[in-house]
Amino acid sequence: MRSMEEQVKFLDGISEEVLSVIQKYFPNFSIPGWGYAGPNFHFDLPDHFKSFENTPYYYWKEMRFIHWTTVDTLASIINNREVRLYNLINSEDEEEFIFSAKLLELSAEQIENIKTNYFTLSCCEKSNLQNEFLWKKYGRDQSGVAIEFSIINDRNDWENFMISEVYYRLPESFEPFQKELNAIKEKYNSQIDVAFNIWKLAGFHKKTHFASEKEVRLSTCFPYNSEDYLKYAKKEFRIDGIRNRIVNYIPLKLWIDFESAYPKEFYKKEDFQKRYLENLKNKPHIKIENIYLGKNSKITNKEYYNTFRNSIREMISFQLGYSVDLPLNLFEISKT
């Protein structure tokens, strides 16, 4: 029987063994939180996005993106001043997340729980606006909408949010890391358990045949207490007769220019501004920069210019407090 001092020294030694393996395979990742309760050890990635700056999962390019959606959803985004980050249950690919997480030997129950609590917004770089494949698949064959947006605050101020390119391959470090971790467990007769949330990175890996999506992914793993889940995560029903499912999403509020006349006048008698800014604290601040309605939107260029273009501009100005000079015509992919 070990003394208390010997037991602490023993458990500290195991922690150092595991930490050395983590640092071997993830050398540029800081591990600010780790500890143990008896034979159960935990190691945590940082909450602050700036801590990922020297890793492949830190998006360092210009923060200007395209997000495809429908005309109906466009109106909802502007009127509700929010975009939606859906959990991975929403993905068209049933193997989403499993593809790379399986290398970490997570149980089916663990994977399902993570997918339920892992929320993402899919977009691509602005340079892909002319991408015919993306307009066909996600722009509903040019009957939908491409929203051009920027993220205007410092990404290094974010907490519980990450943005990264999606990699269309398996992560090289997962499998050898898990093998060495298993060797440590076997060394102690499988009497220890190690929890390490490196699985967060699995959400940025997809199969090779999805590479044409050119996805950049904004993500958050549910940052609230579990008892508050229903308070923050909203439900949607996806019924298509093929893969019927209930998905959850977290709304992320759009940035409002409170210095402009409309929001200031409209909410001057309420505590709206204070609450709104508090909601956006340490989160990405998304600003709509432009909106492109596809040429197959079932409206004519004349209808678009005389009616819809002006209405969209008025909605943005009133709801968000800034002006967006929309294109004069429906969007058509350039022939050149």
Protein backbone atom coordinates (compact mmCIF):
# COMPACT_ATOMS: atom_id res chain seq x y z
CA MET A 1 0.00 0.00 0.00
CA ARG A 2 1.44 3.32 -1.08
CA SER A 3 1.45 6.31 1.21
CA MET A 4 -0.42 9.39 0.08
CA GLU A 5 2.85 11.04 -0.92
CA GLU A 6 3.92 7.96 -2.89
CA GLN A 7 0.53 7.77 -4.60
CA VAL A 8 0.71 11.40 -5.72
CA LYS A 9 4.24 10.85 -7.02
CA PHE A 10 3.07 7.72 -8.87
CA LEU A 11 0.13 9.50 -10.52
CA ASP A 12 2.28 12.53 -11.37
CA GLY A 13 4.67 10.15 -13.13
CA ILE A 14 1.87 8.72 -15.26
CA SER A 15 0.72 12.25 -16.13
CA GLU A 16 4.22 13.13 -17.28
CA GLU A 17 4.39 9.98 -19.42
CA VAL A 18 1.13 10.82 -21.17
CA LEU A 19 2.08 14.47 -21.55
CA SER A 20 5.37 13.53 -23.20
CA VAL A 21 3.48 11.45 -25.79
CA ILE A 22 1.08 14.33 -26.43
CA GLN A 23 3.99 16.73 -26.92
CA LYS A 24 5.71 14.24 -29.23
CA TYR A 25 2.82 14.06 -31.68
CA PHE A 26 1.32 17.52 -31.15
CA PRO A 27 4.44 19.60 -30.46
CA ASN A 28 2.93 23.03 -31.16
CA PHE A 29 -0.19 22.54 -29.07
CA SER A 30 -0.30 23.99 -25.58
CA ILE A 31 -2.05 21.90 -22.93
CA PRO A 32 -3.14 24.44 -20.30
CA GLY A 33 -5.41 22.09 -18.41
CA TRP A 34 -4.55 18.63 -17.13
CA GLY A 35 -4.90 16.59 -13.99
CA TYR A 36 -6.29 13.39 -12.54
CA ALA A 37 -8.79 11.97 -10.11
CA GLY A 38 -7.45 8.62 -9.04
CA PRO A 39 -6.77 6.55 -12.18
CA ASN A 40 -8.70 8.94 -14.46
CA PHE A 41 -6.47 11.43 -16.27
CA HIS A 42 -7.57 14.38 -18.39
CA PHE A 43 -5.70 16.68 -20.75
CA ASP A 44 -7.35 19.66 -22.43
CA LEU A 45 -6.68 21.79 -25.48
CA PRO A 46 -6.87 25.55 -24.85
CA ASP A 47 -10.13 27.50 -25.19
CA HIS A 48 -8.39 30.56 -26.69
CA PHE A 49 -8.01 30.39 -30.46
CA LYS A 50 -4.73 32.32 -30.38
CA SER A 51 -3.13 29.26 -28.75
CA PHE A 52 -3.46 27.40 -32.07
CA GLU A 53 -1.45 30.01 -33.97
CA ASN A 54 1.49 27.70 -34.71
CA THR A 55 -0.65 24.73 -35.72
CA PRO A 56 -2.28 23.74 -39.04
CA TYR A 57 -5.69 24.55 -37.52
CA TYR A 58 -5.20 28.29 -37.32
CA TYR A 59 -6.67 30.14 -40.29
CA TRP A 60 -4.25 32.99 -40.98
CA LYS A 61 -5.52 34.28 -44.35
CA GLU A 62 -7.89 37.16 -45.06
CA MET A 63 -11.12 36.66 -43.14
CA ARG A 64 -13.46 37.07 -46.09
CA PHE A 65 -15.70 34.18 -47.08
CA ILE A 66 -18.65 32.91 -49.10
CA HIS A 67 -21.58 31.07 -47.54
CA TRP A 68 -24.24 29.57 -49.79
CA THR A 69 -27.89 29.47 -48.75
CA THR A 70 -31.45 29.89 -50.05
CA VAL A 71 -33.34 33.12 -50.70
CA ASP A 72 -35.72 32.32 -47.83
CA THR A 73 -32.86 31.68 -45.43
CA LEU A 74 -31.19 34.93 -46.50
CA ALA A 75 -34.19 36.90 -45.24
CA SER A 76 -34.14 34.95 -41.98
CA ILE A 77 -30.41 35.64 -41.48
CA ILE A 78 -30.89 39.38 -41.90
CA ASN A 79 -34.14 39.71 -39.93
CA ASN A 80 -32.87 37.60 -37.02
CA ARG A 81 -29.36 39.08 -37.27
CA GLU A 82 -27.77 35.66 -36.96
CA VAL A 83 -26.18 32.75 -38.75
CA ARG A 84 -26.58 29.19 -37.54
CA LEU A 85 -23.88 26.76 -36.58
CA TYR A 86 -25.32 23.26 -36.96
CA ASN A 87 -24.12 20.20 -35.11
CA LEU A 88 -22.46 17.38 -37.02
CA ILE A 89 -25.66 15.31 -36.93
CA ASN A 90 -26.76 17.72 -39.67
CA SER A 91 -24.02 16.64 -42.09
CA GLU A 92 -24.98 14.98 -45.37
CA ASP A 93 -22.07 12.61 -44.79
CA GLU A 94 -22.97 9.97 -42.19
CA GLU A 95 -19.24 9.31 -41.74
CA GLU A 96 -18.64 12.96 -40.79
CA PHE A 97 -16.21 13.10 -37.84
CA ILE A 98 -16.07 9.27 -37.64
CA PHE A 99 -13.61 9.32 -40.55
CA SER A 100 -10.73 10.56 -38.40
CA ALA A 101 -12.10 10.12 -34.86
CA LYS A 102 -12.04 6.35 -35.28
CA LEU A 103 -8.23 6.54 -35.12
CA LEU A 104 -8.61 7.71 -31.52
CA GLU A 105 -10.64 4.58 -30.68
CA LEU A 106 -13.62 6.56 -29.41
CA SER A 107 -16.70 4.51 -28.64
CA ALA A 108 -19.88 4.83 -30.70
CA GLU A 109 -21.51 6.53 -27.72
CA GLN A 110 -18.64 9.02 -27.38
CA ILE A 111 -18.75 9.82 -31.10
CA GLU A 112 -22.50 10.39 -31.07
CA ASN A 113 -22.21 12.66 -28.03
CA ILE A 114 -19.43 14.70 -29.62
CA LYS A 115 -21.31 15.04 -32.93
CA THR A 116 -24.32 16.30 -30.99
CA ASN A 117 -22.23 18.97 -29.28
CA TYR A 118 -19.91 19.96 -32.13
CA PHE A 119 -21.29 22.92 -34.13
CA THR A 120 -20.00 24.30 -37.43
CA LEU A 121 -20.62 26.94 -40.09
CA SER A 122 -19.40 25.94 -43.54
CA CYS A 123 -18.00 28.49 -45.97
CA CYS A 124 -15.18 28.88 -48.45
CA GLU A 125 -12.72 31.57 -49.41
CA LYS A 126 -14.07 34.55 -51.35
CA SER A 127 -11.96 33.54 -54.36
CA ASN A 128 -14.39 30.64 -54.91
CA LEU A 129 -17.31 32.88 -55.82
CA GLN A 130 -16.97 31.84 -59.47
CA ASN A 131 -16.74 28.13 -58.61
CA GLU A 132 -19.24 26.31 -60.83
CA PHE A 133 -19.33 23.15 -58.69
CA LEU A 134 -20.08 25.05 -55.49
CA TRP A 135 -22.80 27.12 -57.14
CA LYS A 136 -24.38 23.95 -58.52
CA LYS A 137 -24.29 21.93 -55.29
CA TYR A 138 -24.67 24.55 -52.55
CA GLY A 139 -26.06 27.43 -54.59
CA ARG A 140 -28.92 25.21 -55.82
CA ASP A 141 -27.71 25.37 -59.41
CA GLN A 142 -27.58 29.17 -59.25
CA SER A 143 -31.10 29.47 -57.87
CA GLY A 144 -29.76 30.20 -54.38
CA VAL A 145 -27.70 32.91 -52.76
CA ALA A 146 -24.02 33.45 -52.02
CA ILE A 147 -23.44 35.64 -48.98
CA GLU A 148 -20.05 37.28 -48.87
CA PHE A 149 -19.06 38.06 -45.30
CA SER A 150 -16.03 39.11 -43.32
CA ILE A 151 -15.02 38.51 -39.72
CA ILE A 152 -13.97 41.91 -38.49
CA ASN A 153 -12.68 41.37 -34.97
CA ASP A 154 -9.32 39.96 -33.90
CA ARG A 155 -9.43 36.15 -34.14
CA ASN A 156 -6.98 36.01 -31.24
CA ASP A 157 -9.71 37.33 -28.94
CA TRP A 158 -11.99 34.33 -29.54
CA GLU A 159 -12.80 31.75 -26.91
CA ASN A 160 -14.38 28.37 -27.67
CA PHE A 161 -14.34 29.15 -31.41
CA MET A 162 -11.93 27.92 -34.07
CA ILE A 163 -11.63 28.51 -37.81
CA SER A 164 -9.55 26.35 -40.12
CA GLU A 165 -9.35 25.00 -43.61
CA VAL A 166 -10.76 21.49 -43.88
CA TYR A 167 -8.13 18.85 -44.71
CA TYR A 168 -9.26 16.08 -47.03
CA ARG A 169 -7.11 13.38 -45.53
CA LEU A 170 -6.60 11.57 -42.25
CA PRO A 171 -4.55 13.40 -39.58
CA GLU A 172 -1.10 11.81 -39.58
CA SER A 173 -0.58 11.99 -35.81
CA PHE A 174 -3.79 10.37 -34.55
CA GLU A 175 -2.97 6.71 -35.12
CA PRO A 176 0.63 6.62 -33.81
CA PHE A 177 -0.41 8.79 -30.86
CA GLN A 178 -3.19 6.38 -29.94
CA LYS A 179 -0.83 3.39 -30.21
CA GLU A 180 1.64 4.93 -27.76
CA LEU A 181 -1.19 5.93 -25.45
CA ASN A 182 -2.46 2.35 -25.51
CA ALA A 183 1.04 1.13 -24.64
CA ILE A 184 1.03 3.33 -21.52
CA LYS A 185 -2.37 1.95 -20.51
CA GLU A 186 -1.12 -1.61 -20.98
CA LYS A 187 1.95 -0.81 -18.90
CA TYR A 188 -0.42 -0.12 -16.01
CA ASN A 189 -2.59 -3.18 -16.73
CA SER A 190 -5.31 -1.06 -18.34
CA GLN A 191 -6.18 0.32 -14.91
CA ILE A 192 -5.97 3.95 -16.04
CA ASP A 193 -8.22 6.00 -18.29
CA VAL A 194 -7.01 9.00 -20.32
CA ALA A 195 -9.32 11.66 -21.74
CA PHE A 196 -7.78 14.09 -24.22
CA ASN A 197 -9.98 16.34 -26.34
CA ILE A 198 -7.69 16.22 -29.36
CA TRP A 199 -10.83 14.90 -31.08
CA LYS A 200 -11.72 18.60 -31.62
CA LEU A 201 -9.35 18.51 -34.58
CA ALA A 202 -11.19 15.58 -36.16
CA GLY A 203 -13.92 18.01 -37.21
CA PHE A 204 -11.46 19.59 -39.66
CA HIS A 205 -10.80 16.37 -41.60
CA LYS A 206 -12.96 14.80 -44.31
CA LYS A 207 -12.60 12.12 -46.95
CA THR A 208 -10.66 12.92 -50.12
CA HIS A 209 -13.69 12.82 -52.42
CA PHE A 210 -15.08 15.92 -50.66
CA ALA A 211 -12.02 17.99 -51.65
CA SER A 212 -13.93 19.91 -54.33
CA GLU A 213 -15.92 21.58 -51.52
CA LYS A 214 -12.86 23.68 -50.59
CA GLU A 215 -14.39 24.20 -47.17
CA VAL A 216 -13.30 26.57 -44.46
CA ARG A 217 -15.01 25.67 -41.19
CA LEU A 218 -15.92 27.83 -38.21
CA SER A 219 -16.57 25.61 -35.22
CA THR A 220 -17.39 25.55 -31.55
CA CYS A 221 -17.75 22.65 -29.18
CA PHE A 222 -20.65 23.32 -26.88
CA PRO A 223 -19.23 25.90 -24.46
CA TYR A 224 -22.01 25.88 -21.90
CA ASN A 225 -23.00 23.69 -18.98
CA SER A 226 -24.91 20.60 -20.12
CA GLU A 227 -28.01 21.64 -18.20
CA ASP A 228 -28.18 24.80 -20.33
CA TYR A 229 -28.15 22.88 -23.63
CA LEU A 230 -31.82 23.45 -24.45
CA LYS A 231 -31.46 27.12 -23.56
CA TYR A 232 -28.80 27.77 -26.21
CA ALA A 233 -29.17 24.98 -28.78
CA LYS A 234 -32.27 25.13 -30.98
CA LYS A 235 -33.86 22.21 -32.82
CA GLU A 236 -34.68 21.72 -36.49
CA PHE A 237 -36.33 18.75 -38.21
CA ARG A 238 -34.68 17.38 -41.36
CA ILE A 239 -37.17 15.05 -43.06
CA ASP A 240 -36.34 13.90 -46.58
CA GLY A 241 -37.51 10.28 -46.47
CA ILE A 242 -33.92 9.10 -46.79
CA ARG A 243 -32.17 10.13 -43.60
CA ASN A 244 -34.73 11.72 -41.32
CA ARG A 245 -33.13 13.36 -38.31
CA ILE A 246 -33.41 16.06 -35.66
CA VAL A 247 -30.50 18.47 -35.70
CA ASN A 248 -29.50 21.24 -33.32
CA TYR A 249 -27.95 24.58 -34.03
CA ILE A 250 -26.44 27.46 -32.08
CA PRO A 251 -27.25 30.96 -33.35
CA LEU A 252 -24.28 33.30 -33.75
CA LYS A 253 -25.34 36.93 -33.85
CA LEU A 254 -24.17 39.16 -36.68
CA TRP A 255 -22.19 42.31 -35.95
CA ILE A 256 -24.29 45.49 -35.71
CA ASP A 257 -22.93 48.99 -36.26
CA PHE A 258 -24.50 50.65 -33.23
CA GLU A 259 -23.04 54.01 -34.23
CA SER A 260 -25.44 54.32 -37.16
CA ALA A 261 -28.86 55.91 -36.89
CA TYR A 262 -31.26 52.99 -37.25
CA PRO A 263 -30.15 50.60 -34.50
CA LYS A 264 -29.42 53.46 -32.10
CA GLU A 265 -32.86 55.02 -32.67
CA PHE A 266 -34.74 51.74 -32.77
CA TYR A 267 -33.33 50.35 -29.53
CA LYS A 268 -32.60 53.54 -27.60
CA LYS A 269 -35.23 52.80 -24.92
CA GLU A 270 -34.04 49.26 -24.35
CA ASP A 271 -30.98 47.58 -22.92
CA PHE A 272 -30.57 45.90 -26.28
CA GLN A 273 -27.10 47.15 -27.20
CA LYS A 274 -25.51 46.11 -23.91
CA ARG A 275 -27.01 42.63 -24.07
CA TYR A 276 -26.16 42.22 -27.74
CA LEU A 277 -22.51 43.14 -27.29
CA GLU A 278 -22.25 40.91 -24.25
CA ASN A 279 -23.57 38.05 -26.36
CA LEU A 280 -20.83 38.68 -28.94
CA LYS A 281 -18.00 38.87 -26.41
CA ASN A 282 -15.05 36.64 -27.37
CA LYS A 283 -16.93 35.37 -30.42
CA PRO A 284 -16.44 36.02 -34.16
CA HIS A 285 -18.02 39.29 -35.37
CA ILE A 286 -19.56 38.58 -38.77
CA LYS A 287 -20.35 41.42 -41.15
CA ILE A 288 -22.22 40.97 -44.44
CA GLU A 289 -20.14 42.49 -47.25
CA ASN A 290 -22.17 41.51 -50.31
CA ILE A 291 -25.00 39.27 -51.49
CA TYR A 292 -25.25 37.50 -54.84
CA LEU A 293 -28.57 36.09 -56.02
CA GLY A 294 -28.08 33.39 -58.64
CA LYS A 295 -29.30 33.89 -62.20
CA ASN A 296 -31.81 31.02 -61.80
CA SER A 297 -33.55 32.63 -58.82
CA LYS A 298 -36.92 32.67 -60.67
CA ILE A 299 -36.94 36.45 -60.78
CA THR A 300 -35.88 38.65 -63.65
CA ASN A 301 -33.00 41.11 -63.57
CA LYS A 302 -35.60 43.86 -63.74
CA GLU A 303 -37.47 42.50 -60.69
CA TYR A 304 -34.21 42.09 -58.84
CA TYR A 305 -33.03 45.64 -59.56
CA ASN A 306 -36.35 47.43 -59.02
CA THR A 307 -37.62 45.49 -56.01
CA PHE A 308 -35.50 42.83 -54.35
CA ARG A 309 -32.16 44.63 -54.45
CA ASN A 310 -33.58 47.70 -52.73
CA SER A 311 -35.48 45.62 -50.16
CA ILE A 312 -32.38 43.64 -49.19
CA ARG A 313 -30.35 46.84 -48.84
CA GLU A 314 -33.07 48.39 -46.65
CA MET A 315 -33.24 45.28 -44.45
CA ILE A 316 -29.47 45.28 -43.89
CA SER A 317 -29.39 49.00 -43.19
CA PHE A 318 -32.24 48.83 -40.70
CA GLN A 319 -31.35 45.58 -38.93
CA LEU A 320 -27.55 45.84 -38.97
CA GLY A 321 -26.87 49.55 -39.29
CA TYR A 322 -24.63 49.63 -42.34
CA SER A 323 -24.97 49.90 -46.10
CA VAL A 324 -24.12 47.18 -48.61
CA ASP A 325 -23.90 48.20 -52.26
CA LEU A 326 -25.30 45.07 -53.88
CA PRO A 327 -24.62 44.05 -57.50
CA LEU A 328 -26.87 45.63 -60.12
CA ASN A 329 -27.76 42.27 -61.70
CA LEU A 330 -28.35 38.65 -60.75
CA PHE A 331 -25.12 36.69 -60.46
CA GLU A 332 -23.92 34.64 -63.40
CA ILE A 333 -20.70 32.64 -63.51
CA SER A 334 -18.21 34.29 -65.81
CA LYS A 335 -17.60 32.51 -69.10
CA THR A 336 -13.95 33.60 -69.22
